[in-house]
Amino acid sequence: MKLFGMPLPRIVSPRSLQRAGVLGMNQRNHAYIMRYNRRSDYPDVDDKLRTKQLAIRYGVATAELIGSIEYQYQVRHFLDLVANAPDFVIKPGHGSGGRGILVITHHDGGVFHKPNGEVCDYDFIYEHISNILSGLYSLGGQVDYALFERCIDFSDVYSRFSFQGVPDVRLIVFKGYPVMSMIRLATKESDGRANLHQGAVGVGLSIRDGRPRFAASHNREITHHPDTGAAFSELVVPHWEEHLDLAARCAEMTPLGYFGADIATDRKRGPLLLELNARPGLAIQIANGQGLLSRLRLIESLPPGAHPTRAEKIAFARENFN
C-alpha cells in the first residue's frame, strides 16, 4: 500500500501516520464522533425504520418501505405484508454489518427465491423473522423488529467490477460537507459481500468527479479486480452529482455532524440511500491512499456560516477534495 505516493512499511509508527494525516480510531472517537454526534441522536441511524421515515420526510431517495413486524404473534402473518410485493428485503431494525439481511428476488407466496438461486419456504422465512425479533442480529443483542423493503433494482453498470455481490458507495459527511468517498466491491473471497474486512475491494473516489483515485484490498494497493480482471481505472460512477447531493441532504435530516452515508444505484431511480452510520470505519483512508484528518481540519477551520446552503458545501468539497 502507498500513502501520499510513498510506500508504507509493515510497521508504521503513530507519529508517521499522524504526519501523513491519517485519522486514528481514538482520535476519530473523541475528536469527531463524541464531539459532533450527540448520543441522543444515534437512533436516527441505528434504528433503520427511523432512518427510513426521516429520509421519506426530507425527500431523500431510498428503497420503498413495505412495513415492519415488531411482535412474535405478527410473524405468522408476514405473507399478508408481502402479498403485493413481488420482491422484498428483510432487515433487522437495529442490525449492523449486513448481518441478518435476507433478500428475496421473487416468490409465489409459498416458494421464495434468493439472489444466488437458492429457494426457501414459509417456515424458513418465519424462523428468520423470529431470530431477528429475538435480537440475534441486533446491536448488543437487544430485542429487535424486522423491517421489510422492496428490493433495489441494482444497475449492472458495475457488473465488471464486482463478483456477484452488490457494490455500494460510502461517503463520509462532516458538518454537511462530503469529505471522502469510496466504492466497495465484492470478491469471491468476500463471498459476494461488499465488506472490506472479509476481502472486498475498496476503491477511493474523487469528491470532485467520482473517478477512481486508488484501490486497495487487505491493506495493499491493487489495480485490477482479483476475480473479474477489470481495471479499476476504467470504473465510472454514474450520477455522481446526485450521490453528493443525497449524502449532503442526509445532514439536513439528522443533527449528527459526522457520519457515513451508504448509497446504491438503482437501474431506474438512480442513487438510493441504503443506510447511515454514526461510527463509519477508517478503512476509507486505505481505499483512498490518503488520510482524512487534513480534510476534517479544513472544514473545522471555516468560519461559521461560510457555506450556508447544501449546494455551496458540495461546491467547496468538490473544489478542495480531489
C-alpha atoms as a PDB file:
ATOM      1  CA  MET A   1       0.000   0.000   0.000  1.00  0.00           C
ATOM      2  CA  LYS A   2       1.085   3.569  -0.602  1.00  0.00           C
ATOM      3  CA  LEU A   3       0.175   6.698   1.263  1.00  0.00           C
ATOM      4  CA  PHE A   4       0.732  10.062  -0.411  1.00  0.00           C
ATOM      5  CA  GLY A   5       2.719   8.241  -3.087  1.00  0.00           C
ATOM      6  CA  MET A   6       5.185   6.743  -0.582  1.00  0.00           C
ATOM      7  CA  PRO A   7       5.489   3.013   0.176  1.00  0.00           C
ATOM      8  CA  LEU A   8       4.033   2.161   3.572  1.00  0.00           C
ATOM      9  CA  PRO A   9       6.147  -0.352   5.539  1.00  0.00           C
ATOM     10  CA  ARG A  10       4.553  -3.147   7.536  1.00  0.00           C
ATOM     11  CA  ILE A  11       5.266  -1.445  10.849  1.00  0.00           C
ATOM     12  CA  VAL A  12       4.377   2.225  10.967  1.00  0.00           C
ATOM     13  CA  SER A  13       4.841   4.478  13.968  1.00  0.00           C
ATOM     14  CA  PRO A  14       1.887   6.551  15.212  1.00  0.00           C
ATOM     15  CA  ARG A  15       3.956   9.669  14.560  1.00  0.00           C
ATOM     16  CA  SER A  16       4.454   8.699  10.904  1.00  0.00           C
ATOM     17  CA  LEU A  17       0.745   8.124  10.457  1.00  0.00           C
ATOM     18  CA  GLN A  18      -0.012  11.449  12.105  1.00  0.00           C
ATOM     19  CA  ARG A  19       2.393  13.227   9.762  1.00  0.00           C
ATOM     20  CA  ALA A  20       0.593  11.566   6.838  1.00  0.00           C
ATOM     21  CA  GLY A  21      -2.733  12.951   8.080  1.00  0.00           C
ATOM     22  CA  VAL A  22      -4.193   9.540   8.943  1.00  0.00           C
ATOM     23  CA  LEU A  23      -7.115   9.719  11.363  1.00  0.00           C
ATOM     24  CA  GLY A  24      -6.765   7.076  14.080  1.00  0.00           C
ATOM     25  CA  MET A  25      -9.581   5.346  15.912  1.00  0.00           C
ATOM     26  CA  ASN A  26      -9.093   7.087  19.265  1.00  0.00           C
ATOM     27  CA  GLN A  27      -8.895  10.479  17.609  1.00  0.00           C
ATOM     28  CA  ARG A  28     -11.945   9.715  15.486  1.00  0.00           C
ATOM     29  CA  ASN A  29     -13.920   8.664  18.559  1.00  0.00           C
ATOM     30  CA  HIS A  30     -13.002  11.586  20.799  1.00  0.00           C
ATOM     31  CA  ALA A  31     -12.431  14.490  18.385  1.00  0.00           C
ATOM     32  CA  TYR A  32     -15.216  13.764  15.910  1.00  0.00           C
ATOM     33  CA  ILE A  33     -17.791  11.145  16.883  1.00  0.00           C
ATOM     34  CA  MET A  34     -18.149  12.168  20.535  1.00  0.00           C
ATOM     35  CA  ARG A  35     -17.740  15.873  19.815  1.00  0.00           C
ATOM     36  CA  TYR A  36     -20.099  16.204  16.848  1.00  0.00           C
ATOM     37  CA  ASN A  37     -22.595  13.365  17.420  1.00  0.00           C
ATOM     38  CA  ARG A  38     -24.908  13.624  20.405  1.00  0.00           C
ATOM     39  CA  ARG A  39     -25.784  10.252  21.876  1.00  0.00           C
ATOM     40  CA  SER A  40     -29.465  11.186  21.827  1.00  0.00           C
ATOM     41  CA  ASP A  41     -29.316  11.436  18.011  1.00  0.00           C
ATOM     42  CA  TYR A  42     -27.871   7.954  17.406  1.00  0.00           C
ATOM     43  CA  PRO A  43     -31.327   6.402  16.905  1.00  0.00           C
ATOM     44  CA  ASP A  44     -31.561   8.465  13.712  1.00  0.00           C
ATOM     45  CA  VAL A  45     -29.112   5.999  12.173  1.00  0.00           C
ATOM     46  CA  ASP A  46     -29.129   2.946  14.473  1.00  0.00           C
ATOM     47  CA  ASP A  47     -32.867   2.449  14.013  1.00  0.00           C
ATOM     48  CA  LYS A  48     -33.428   1.640  10.336  1.00  0.00           C
ATOM     49  CA  LEU A  49     -37.154   2.372  10.382  1.00  0.00           C
ATOM     50  CA  ARG A  50     -36.499   5.797  11.907  1.00  0.00           C
ATOM     51  CA  THR A  51     -33.842   6.445   9.254  1.00  0.00           C
ATOM     52  CA  LYS A  52     -36.302   5.407   6.566  1.00  0.00           C
ATOM     53  CA  GLN A  53     -39.043   7.660   7.919  1.00  0.00           C
ATOM     54  CA  LEU A  54     -36.639  10.614   8.145  1.00  0.00           C
ATOM     55  CA  ALA A  55     -35.497  10.000   4.564  1.00  0.00           C
ATOM     56  CA  ILE A  56     -39.083   9.990   3.312  1.00  0.00           C
ATOM     57  CA  ARG A  57     -39.879  13.165   5.254  1.00  0.00           C
ATOM     58  CA  TYR A  58     -36.837  15.037   3.918  1.00  0.00           C
ATOM     59  CA  GLY A  59     -37.099  13.821   0.344  1.00  0.00           C
ATOM     60  CA  VAL A  60     -34.005  11.608   0.438  1.00  0.00           C
ATOM     61  CA  ALA A  61     -34.349   8.863  -2.187  1.00  0.00           C
ATOM     62  CA  THR A  62     -34.410   5.421  -0.603  1.00  0.00           C
ATOM     63  CA  ALA A  63     -35.835   1.930  -1.162  1.00  0.00           C
ATOM     64  CA  GLU A  64     -39.626   1.622  -0.915  1.00  0.00           C
ATOM     65  CA  LEU A  65     -40.866   0.772   2.582  1.00  0.00           C
ATOM     66  CA  ILE A  66     -43.266  -2.181   2.797  1.00  0.00           C
ATOM     67  CA  GLY A  67     -43.757  -2.373   6.574  1.00  0.00           C
ATOM     68  CA  SER A  68     -42.392  -3.893   9.744  1.00  0.00           C
ATOM     69  CA  ILE A  69     -43.015  -6.697  12.255  1.00  0.00           C
ATOM     70  CA  GLU A  70     -42.440  -5.946  15.932  1.00  0.00           C
ATOM     71  CA  TYR A  71     -44.050  -8.823  17.840  1.00  0.00           C
ATOM     72  CA  GLN A  72     -43.865 -12.591  17.594  1.00  0.00           C
ATOM     73  CA  TYR A  73     -47.613 -13.032  17.111  1.00  0.00           C
ATOM     74  CA  GLN A  74     -47.352 -10.933  13.926  1.00  0.00           C
ATOM     75  CA  VAL A  75     -44.798 -13.225  12.295  1.00  0.00           C
ATOM     76  CA  ARG A  76     -47.346 -15.767  11.088  1.00  0.00           C
ATOM     77  CA  HIS A  77     -48.991 -13.007   9.046  1.00  0.00           C
ATOM     78  CA  PHE A  78     -45.871 -11.927   7.147  1.00  0.00           C
ATOM     79  CA  LEU A  79     -47.393 -13.233   3.889  1.00  0.00           C
ATOM     80  CA  ASP A  80     -50.070 -10.553   4.142  1.00  0.00           C
ATOM     81  CA  LEU A  81     -47.314  -7.925   4.359  1.00  0.00           C
ATOM     82  CA  VAL A  82     -45.567  -9.059   1.165  1.00  0.00           C
ATOM     83  CA  ALA A  83     -48.616 -10.219  -0.793  1.00  0.00           C
ATOM     84  CA  ASN A  84     -48.395  -7.287  -3.223  1.00  0.00           C
ATOM     85  CA  ALA A  85     -44.590  -7.091  -3.268  1.00  0.00           C
ATOM     86  CA  PRO A  86     -43.004  -9.245  -5.991  1.00  0.00           C
ATOM     87  CA  ASP A  87     -39.650  -8.908  -4.229  1.00  0.00           C
ATOM     88  CA  PHE A  88     -38.550  -7.804  -0.773  1.00  0.00           C
ATOM     89  CA  VAL A  89     -35.704  -7.473   1.697  1.00  0.00           C
ATOM     90  CA  ILE A  90     -35.959  -8.275   5.408  1.00  0.00           C
ATOM     91  CA  LYS A  91     -33.571  -6.345   7.682  1.00  0.00           C
ATOM     92  CA  PRO A  92     -33.043  -6.252  11.443  1.00  0.00           C
ATOM     93  CA  GLY A  93     -34.139  -2.801  12.584  1.00  0.00           C
ATOM     94  CA  HIS A  94     -31.073  -2.449  14.825  1.00  0.00           C
ATOM     95  CA  GLY A  95     -28.640  -4.622  12.873  1.00  0.00           C
ATOM     96  CA  SER A  96     -25.136  -3.770  11.701  1.00  0.00           C
ATOM     97  CA  GLY A  97     -22.565  -5.024   9.229  1.00  0.00           C
ATOM     98  CA  GLY A  98     -25.195  -6.582   6.969  1.00  0.00           C
ATOM     99  CA  ARG A  99     -25.973  -9.375   9.458  1.00  0.00           C
ATOM    100  CA  GLY A 100     -29.459 -10.819   9.251  1.00  0.00           C
ATOM    101  CA  ILE A 101     -30.390  -9.272   5.917  1.00  0.00           C
ATOM    102  CA  LEU A 102     -32.435 -11.641   3.740  1.00  0.00           C
ATOM    103  CA  VAL A 103     -33.121 -10.789   0.094  1.00  0.00           C
ATOM    104  CA  ILE A 104     -35.972 -12.424  -1.810  1.00  0.00           C
ATOM    105  CA  THR A 105     -35.931 -11.668  -5.540  1.00  0.00           C
ATOM    106  CA  HIS A 106     -39.301 -13.281  -6.332  1.00  0.00           C
ATOM    107  CA  HIS A 107     -41.888 -15.549  -4.753  1.00  0.00           C
ATOM    108  CA  ASP A 108     -45.349 -17.024  -5.184  1.00  0.00           C
ATOM    109  CA  GLY A 109     -46.355 -16.927  -1.527  1.00  0.00           C
ATOM    110  CA  GLY A 110     -45.047 -20.436  -0.906  1.00  0.00           C
ATOM    111  CA  VAL A 111     -41.634 -20.661  -2.563  1.00  0.00           C
ATOM    112  CA  PHE A 112     -39.155 -17.836  -2.040  1.00  0.00           C
ATOM    113  CA  HIS A 113     -36.085 -17.316  -4.258  1.00  0.00           C
ATOM    114  CA  LYS A 114     -32.779 -15.820  -3.088  1.00  0.00           C
ATOM    115  CA  PRO A 115     -30.376 -13.940  -5.396  1.00  0.00           C
ATOM    116  CA  ASN A 116     -27.976 -16.914  -5.537  1.00  0.00           C
ATOM    117  CA  GLY A 117     -30.685 -19.222  -6.876  1.00  0.00           C
ATOM    118  CA  GLU A 118     -31.445 -20.972  -3.593  1.00  0.00           C
ATOM    119  CA  VAL A 119     -35.078 -21.413  -2.624  1.00  0.00           C
ATOM    120  CA  CYS A 120     -36.688 -21.416   0.791  1.00  0.00           C
ATOM    121  CA  ASP A 121     -40.174 -21.916   2.181  1.00  0.00           C
ATOM    122  CA  TYR A 122     -42.605 -20.299   4.612  1.00  0.00           C
ATOM    123  CA  ASP A 123     -41.003 -21.984   7.631  1.00  0.00           C
ATOM    124  CA  PHE A 124     -37.546 -20.637   6.725  1.00  0.00           C
ATOM    125  CA  ILE A 125     -38.829 -17.068   6.464  1.00  0.00           C
ATOM    126  CA  TYR A 126     -40.833 -17.484   9.685  1.00  0.00           C
ATOM    127  CA  GLU A 127     -37.761 -18.687  11.570  1.00  0.00           C
ATOM    128  CA  HIS A 128     -35.588 -15.919  10.159  1.00  0.00           C
ATOM    129  CA  ILE A 129     -38.022 -13.209  11.261  1.00  0.00           C
ATOM    130  CA  SER A 130     -38.277 -14.832  14.691  1.00  0.00           C
ATOM    131  CA  ASN A 131     -34.493 -14.794  15.013  1.00  0.00           C
ATOM    132  CA  ILE A 132     -34.459 -11.096  14.178  1.00  0.00           C
ATOM    133  CA  LEU A 133     -37.080 -10.339  16.830  1.00  0.00           C
ATOM    134  CA  SER A 134     -35.077 -12.269  19.433  1.00  0.00           C
ATOM    135  CA  GLY A 135     -32.089  -9.955  18.859  1.00  0.00           C
ATOM    136  CA  LEU A 136     -29.851 -12.493  17.143  1.00  0.00           C
ATOM    137  CA  TYR A 137     -28.531  -9.868  14.709  1.00  0.00           C
ATOM    138  CA  SER A 138     -29.063  -6.636  16.636  1.00  0.00           C
ATOM    139  CA  LEU A 139     -26.546  -4.313  18.258  1.00  0.00           C
ATOM    140  CA  GLY A 140     -25.927  -5.606  21.775  1.00  0.00           C
ATOM    141  CA  GLY A 141     -28.419  -8.452  21.353  1.00  0.00           C
ATOM    142  CA  GLN A 142     -31.359  -6.172  22.134  1.00  0.00           C
ATOM    143  CA  VAL A 143     -34.892  -7.210  21.258  1.00  0.00           C
ATOM    144  CA  ASP A 144     -35.450  -6.101  17.672  1.00  0.00           C
ATOM    145  CA  TYR A 145     -38.016  -5.750  14.901  1.00  0.00           C
ATOM    146  CA  ALA A 146     -37.980  -6.820  11.239  1.00  0.00           C
ATOM    147  CA  LEU A 147     -38.088  -4.172   8.530  1.00  0.00           C
ATOM    148  CA  PHE A 148     -39.480  -5.029   5.076  1.00  0.00           C
ATOM    149  CA  GLU A 149     -38.405  -3.067   1.981  1.00  0.00           C
ATOM    150  CA  ARG A 150     -38.720  -3.540  -1.759  1.00  0.00           C
ATOM    151  CA  CYS A 151     -35.551  -4.755  -3.441  1.00  0.00           C
ATOM    152  CA  ILE A 152     -33.374  -2.221  -5.179  1.00  0.00           C
ATOM    153  CA  ASP A 153     -33.170  -2.983  -8.888  1.00  0.00           C
ATOM    154  CA  PHE A 154     -29.406  -2.742  -8.924  1.00  0.00           C
ATOM    155  CA  SER A 155     -27.826  -1.278 -12.018  1.00  0.00           C
ATOM    156  CA  ASP A 156     -25.451  -3.522 -13.940  1.00  0.00           C
ATOM    157  CA  VAL A 157     -23.069  -0.617 -14.518  1.00  0.00           C
ATOM    158  CA  TYR A 158     -20.665  -2.203 -12.014  1.00  0.00           C
ATOM    159  CA  SER A 159     -21.006  -5.797 -13.230  1.00  0.00           C
ATOM    160  CA  ARG A 160     -17.373  -5.968 -14.423  1.00  0.00           C
ATOM    161  CA  PHE A 161     -16.053  -4.688 -11.121  1.00  0.00           C
ATOM    162  CA  SER A 162     -17.841  -6.793  -8.527  1.00  0.00           C
ATOM    163  CA  PHE A 163     -18.102 -10.552  -8.014  1.00  0.00           C
ATOM    164  CA  GLN A 164     -21.788 -11.470  -7.597  1.00  0.00           C
ATOM    165  CA  GLY A 165     -22.394  -9.024  -4.744  1.00  0.00           C
ATOM    166  CA  VAL A 166     -23.829  -5.536  -5.000  1.00  0.00           C
ATOM    167  CA  PRO A 167     -21.440  -2.553  -4.732  1.00  0.00           C
ATOM    168  CA  ASP A 168     -22.227   0.493  -2.659  1.00  0.00           C
ATOM    169  CA  VAL A 169     -20.694   3.943  -2.363  1.00  0.00           C
ATOM    170  CA  ARG A 170     -19.691   5.168   1.104  1.00  0.00           C
ATOM    171  CA  LEU A 171     -19.478   8.938   1.607  1.00  0.00           C
ATOM    172  CA  ILE A 172     -18.163  10.475   4.827  1.00  0.00           C
ATOM    173  CA  VAL A 173     -20.092  13.659   5.624  1.00  0.00           C
ATOM    174  CA  PHE A 174     -18.741  16.176   8.140  1.00  0.00           C
ATOM    175  CA  LYS A 175     -20.772  19.232   9.146  1.00  0.00           C
ATOM    176  CA  GLY A 176     -22.744  18.857   5.924  1.00  0.00           C
ATOM    177  CA  TYR A 177     -19.685  18.598   3.638  1.00  0.00           C
ATOM    178  CA  PRO A 178     -18.925  15.345   1.765  1.00  0.00           C
ATOM    179  CA  VAL A 179     -15.227  14.891   2.605  1.00  0.00           C
ATOM    180  CA  MET A 180     -14.168  11.417   1.427  1.00  0.00           C
ATOM    181  CA  SER A 181     -15.659   8.589  -0.609  1.00  0.00           C
ATOM    182  CA  MET A 182     -15.087   5.038  -1.776  1.00  0.00           C
ATOM    183  CA  ILE A 183     -16.968   2.284  -3.547  1.00  0.00           C
ATOM    184  CA  ARG A 184     -16.897  -1.190  -2.013  1.00  0.00           C
ATOM    185  CA  LEU A 185     -16.731  -4.074  -4.483  1.00  0.00           C
ATOM    186  CA  ALA A 186     -17.425  -7.696  -3.632  1.00  0.00           C
ATOM    187  CA  THR A 187     -14.975 -10.505  -4.409  1.00  0.00           C
ATOM    188  CA  LYS A 188     -15.090 -14.292  -4.382  1.00  0.00           C
ATOM    189  CA  GLU A 189     -13.115 -14.205  -1.136  1.00  0.00           C
ATOM    190  CA  SER A 190     -15.669 -11.890   0.485  1.00  0.00           C
ATOM    191  CA  ASP A 191     -18.441 -14.311  -0.556  1.00  0.00           C
ATOM    192  CA  GLY A 192     -20.187 -11.683  -2.626  1.00  0.00           C
ATOM    193  CA  ARG A 193     -20.352  -9.201   0.255  1.00  0.00           C
ATOM    194  CA  ALA A 194     -19.042  -5.650  -0.075  1.00  0.00           C
ATOM    195  CA  ASN A 195     -17.249  -5.932   3.267  1.00  0.00           C
ATOM    196  CA  LEU A 196     -13.605  -4.820   3.272  1.00  0.00           C
ATOM    197  CA  HIS A 197     -12.764  -6.899   6.350  1.00  0.00           C
ATOM    198  CA  GLN A 198     -13.881 -10.030   4.505  1.00  0.00           C
ATOM    199  CA  GLY A 199     -11.754  -9.378   1.427  1.00  0.00           C
ATOM    200  CA  ALA A 200     -13.797  -6.951  -0.648  1.00  0.00           C
ATOM    201  CA  VAL A 201     -12.020  -4.194  -2.582  1.00  0.00           C
ATOM    202  CA  GLY A 202     -12.250  -0.541  -1.614  1.00  0.00           C
ATOM    203  CA  VAL A 203     -11.783   1.948  -4.445  1.00  0.00           C
ATOM    204  CA  GLY A 204     -11.247   5.550  -3.379  1.00  0.00           C
ATOM    205  CA  LEU A 205     -13.280   8.076  -5.356  1.00  0.00           C
ATOM    206  CA  SER A 206     -12.514  11.710  -6.027  1.00  0.00           C
ATOM    207  CA  ILE A 207     -15.068  14.011  -4.407  1.00  0.00           C
ATOM    208  CA  ARG A 208     -14.613  16.297  -7.408  1.00  0.00           C
ATOM    209  CA  ASP A 209     -15.833  13.942 -10.112  1.00  0.00           C
ATOM    210  CA  GLY A 210     -16.281  10.434  -8.641  1.00  0.00           C
ATOM    211  CA  ARG A 211     -13.390   8.993 -10.628  1.00  0.00           C
ATOM    212  CA  PRO A 212     -11.231   6.264  -9.041  1.00  0.00           C
ATOM    213  CA  ARG A 213      -8.040   7.537  -7.436  1.00  0.00           C
ATOM    214  CA  PHE A 214      -6.723   4.443  -5.613  1.00  0.00           C
ATOM    215  CA  ALA A 215      -7.779   0.869  -4.824  1.00  0.00           C
ATOM    216  CA  ALA A 216      -6.848  -1.496  -2.016  1.00  0.00           C
ATOM    217  CA  SER A 217      -7.603  -4.938  -0.661  1.00  0.00           C
ATOM    218  CA  HIS A 218      -6.199  -6.338   2.577  1.00  0.00           C
ATOM    219  CA  ASN A 219      -4.358  -3.023   3.061  1.00  0.00           C
ATOM    220  CA  ARG A 220      -2.454  -3.418  -0.203  1.00  0.00           C
ATOM    221  CA  GLU A 221      -2.788  -1.430  -3.400  1.00  0.00           C
ATOM    222  CA  ILE A 222      -4.309  -3.286  -6.356  1.00  0.00           C
ATOM    223  CA  THR A 223      -5.124  -2.122  -9.864  1.00  0.00           C
ATOM    224  CA  HIS A 224      -7.466  -4.848 -11.162  1.00  0.00           C
ATOM    225  CA  HIS A 225     -10.334  -6.815  -9.662  1.00  0.00           C
ATOM    226  CA  PRO A 226      -8.920 -10.131  -8.384  1.00  0.00           C
ATOM    227  CA  ASP A 227     -11.750 -12.194  -9.900  1.00  0.00           C
ATOM    228  CA  THR A 228     -13.008 -10.363 -12.988  1.00  0.00           C
ATOM    229  CA  GLY A 229      -9.692  -8.812 -14.029  1.00  0.00           C
ATOM    230  CA  ALA A 230     -11.357  -5.451 -14.717  1.00  0.00           C
ATOM    231  CA  ALA A 231      -9.068  -2.428 -14.396  1.00  0.00           C
ATOM    232  CA  PHE A 232     -10.283  -0.056 -11.696  1.00  0.00           C
ATOM    233  CA  SER A 233      -9.019   2.883 -13.751  1.00  0.00           C
ATOM    234  CA  GLU A 234     -11.956   2.202 -16.101  1.00  0.00           C
ATOM    235  CA  LEU A 235     -14.596   2.318 -13.373  1.00  0.00           C
ATOM    236  CA  VAL A 236     -17.177   5.088 -13.779  1.00  0.00           C
ATOM    237  CA  VAL A 237     -19.696   6.038 -11.069  1.00  0.00           C
ATOM    238  CA  PRO A 238     -22.842   7.374 -12.767  1.00  0.00           C
ATOM    239  CA  HIS A 239     -24.924  10.227 -11.325  1.00  0.00           C
ATOM    240  CA  TRP A 240     -22.020  11.482  -9.210  1.00  0.00           C
ATOM    241  CA  GLU A 241     -23.628  14.858  -8.537  1.00  0.00           C
ATOM    242  CA  GLU A 242     -26.708  13.035  -7.236  1.00  0.00           C
ATOM    243  CA  HIS A 243     -24.546  10.943  -4.897  1.00  0.00           C
ATOM    244  CA  LEU A 244     -23.054  14.088  -3.398  1.00  0.00           C
ATOM    245  CA  ASP A 245     -26.409  15.820  -3.098  1.00  0.00           C
ATOM    246  CA  LEU A 246     -28.045  12.789  -1.479  1.00  0.00           C
ATOM    247  CA  ALA A 247     -25.243  12.442   1.085  1.00  0.00           C
ATOM    248  CA  ALA A 248     -25.256  16.165   1.918  1.00  0.00           C
ATOM    249  CA  ARG A 249     -29.067  16.145   2.138  1.00  0.00           C
ATOM    250  CA  CYS A 250     -28.791  13.489   4.862  1.00  0.00           C
ATOM    251  CA  ALA A 251     -27.054  16.094   7.041  1.00  0.00           C
ATOM    252  CA  GLU A 252     -30.301  18.074   6.937  1.00  0.00           C
ATOM    253  CA  MET A 253     -32.418  15.203   8.221  1.00  0.00           C
ATOM    254  CA  THR A 254     -30.268  14.430  11.283  1.00  0.00           C
ATOM    255  CA  PRO A 255     -28.283  16.637  13.698  1.00  0.00           C
ATOM    256  CA  LEU A 256     -25.340  14.217  13.530  1.00  0.00           C
ATOM    257  CA  GLY A 257     -22.242  16.140  12.471  1.00  0.00           C
ATOM    258  CA  TYR A 258     -20.073  13.183  11.439  1.00  0.00           C
ATOM    259  CA  PHE A 259     -21.480  10.127   9.683  1.00  0.00           C
ATOM    260  CA  GLY A 260     -21.183   7.774   6.742  1.00  0.00           C
ATOM    261  CA  ALA A 261     -23.864   7.514   4.052  1.00  0.00           C
ATOM    262  CA  ASP A 262     -24.103   4.269   2.079  1.00  0.00           C
ATOM    263  CA  ILE A 263     -25.640   4.631  -1.378  1.00  0.00           C
ATOM    264  CA  ALA A 264     -26.605   2.087  -4.050  1.00  0.00           C
ATOM    265  CA  THR A 265     -27.542   2.720  -7.678  1.00  0.00           C
ATOM    266  CA  ASP A 266     -30.984   1.601  -8.816  1.00  0.00           C
ATOM    267  CA  ARG A 267     -31.451   0.862 -12.514  1.00  0.00           C
ATOM    268  CA  LYS A 268     -34.407   3.263 -12.834  1.00  0.00           C
ATOM    269  CA  ARG A 269     -34.294   5.575  -9.814  1.00  0.00           C
ATOM    270  CA  GLY A 270     -30.549   6.228  -9.669  1.00  0.00           C
ATOM    271  CA  PRO A 271     -28.728   6.671  -6.311  1.00  0.00           C
ATOM    272  CA  LEU A 272     -30.701   5.479  -3.279  1.00  0.00           C
ATOM    273  CA  LEU A 273     -29.776   5.689   0.398  1.00  0.00           C
ATOM    274  CA  LEU A 274     -29.146   2.277   1.946  1.00  0.00           C
ATOM    275  CA  GLU A 275     -28.315   3.402   5.478  1.00  0.00           C
ATOM    276  CA  LEU A 276     -26.405   5.876   7.638  1.00  0.00           C
ATOM    277  CA  ASN A 277     -23.619   5.092  10.090  1.00  0.00           C
ATOM    278  CA  ALA A 278     -22.715   7.296  13.064  1.00  0.00           C
ATOM    279  CA  ARG A 279     -19.428   5.423  13.521  1.00  0.00           C
ATOM    280  CA  PRO A 280     -18.062   4.994   9.985  1.00  0.00           C
ATOM    281  CA  GLY A 281     -14.893   2.918   9.765  1.00  0.00           C
ATOM    282  CA  LEU A 282     -11.465   4.248   8.904  1.00  0.00           C
ATOM    283  CA  ALA A 283     -10.602   1.864   6.053  1.00  0.00           C
ATOM    284  CA  ILE A 284     -11.848   4.520   3.655  1.00  0.00           C
ATOM    285  CA  GLN A 285      -8.426   6.149   4.128  1.00  0.00           C
ATOM    286  CA  ILE A 286      -6.712   2.990   2.873  1.00  0.00           C
ATOM    287  CA  ALA A 287      -9.057   2.852  -0.122  1.00  0.00           C
ATOM    288  CA  ASN A 288      -8.083   6.437  -0.971  1.00  0.00           C
ATOM    289  CA  GLY A 289      -4.382   6.085  -0.195  1.00  0.00           C
ATOM    290  CA  GLN A 290      -4.769   9.300   1.766  1.00  0.00           C
ATOM    291  CA  GLY A 291      -5.506  10.423   5.300  1.00  0.00           C
ATOM    292  CA  LEU A 292      -8.795  12.015   6.297  1.00  0.00           C
ATOM    293  CA  LEU A 293      -7.534  14.343   9.014  1.00  0.00           C
ATOM    294  CA  SER A 294      -6.482  17.294   6.851  1.00  0.00           C
ATOM    295  CA  ARG A 295      -9.911  17.377   5.206  1.00  0.00           C
ATOM    296  CA  LEU A 296     -11.710  17.395   8.529  1.00  0.00           C
ATOM    297  CA  ARG A 297      -9.471  20.128   9.883  1.00  0.00           C
ATOM    298  CA  LEU A 298     -10.060  22.263   6.807  1.00  0.00           C
ATOM    299  CA  ILE A 299     -13.810  22.111   7.429  1.00  0.00           C
ATOM    300  CA  GLU A 300     -13.258  22.916  11.110  1.00  0.00           C
ATOM    301  CA  SER A 301     -11.196  25.973  10.152  1.00  0.00           C
ATOM    302  CA  LEU A 302     -14.052  27.551   8.202  1.00  0.00           C
ATOM    303  CA  PRO A 303     -15.881  30.450   9.870  1.00  0.00           C
ATOM    304  CA  PRO A 304     -19.467  29.766  10.987  1.00  0.00           C
ATOM    305  CA  GLY A 305     -21.910  30.093   8.104  1.00  0.00           C
ATOM    306  CA  ALA A 306     -19.161  30.082   5.480  1.00  0.00           C
ATOM    307  CA  HIS A 307     -21.321  27.975   3.158  1.00  0.00           C
ATOM    308  CA  PRO A 308     -24.943  28.252   4.250  1.00  0.00           C
ATOM    309  CA  THR A 309     -26.523  26.128   1.516  1.00  0.00           C
ATOM    310  CA  ARG A 310     -26.136  22.476   0.597  1.00  0.00           C
ATOM    311  CA  ALA A 311     -25.030  23.429  -2.916  1.00  0.00           C
ATOM    312  CA  GLU A 312     -22.283  25.685  -1.547  1.00  0.00           C
ATOM    313  CA  LYS A 313     -20.992  22.961   0.756  1.00  0.00           C
ATOM    314  CA  ILE A 314     -20.849  20.498  -2.127  1.00  0.00           C
ATOM    315  CA  ALA A 315     -19.108  23.023  -4.381  1.00  0.00           C
ATOM    316  CA  PHE A 316     -16.474  23.702  -1.707  1.00  0.00           C
ATOM    317  CA  ALA A 317     -15.885  19.983  -1.217  1.00  0.00           C
ATOM    318  CA  ARG A 318     -15.513  19.332  -4.954  1.00  0.00           C
ATOM    319  CA  GLU A 319     -13.043  22.178  -5.265  1.00  0.00           C
ATOM    320  CA  ASN A 320     -10.862  21.074  -2.360  1.00  0.00           C
ATOM    321  CA  PHE A 321     -11.117  17.263  -2.129  1.00  0.00           C
ATOM    322  CA  ASN A 322      -9.910  15.709  -5.361  1.00  0.00           C
END
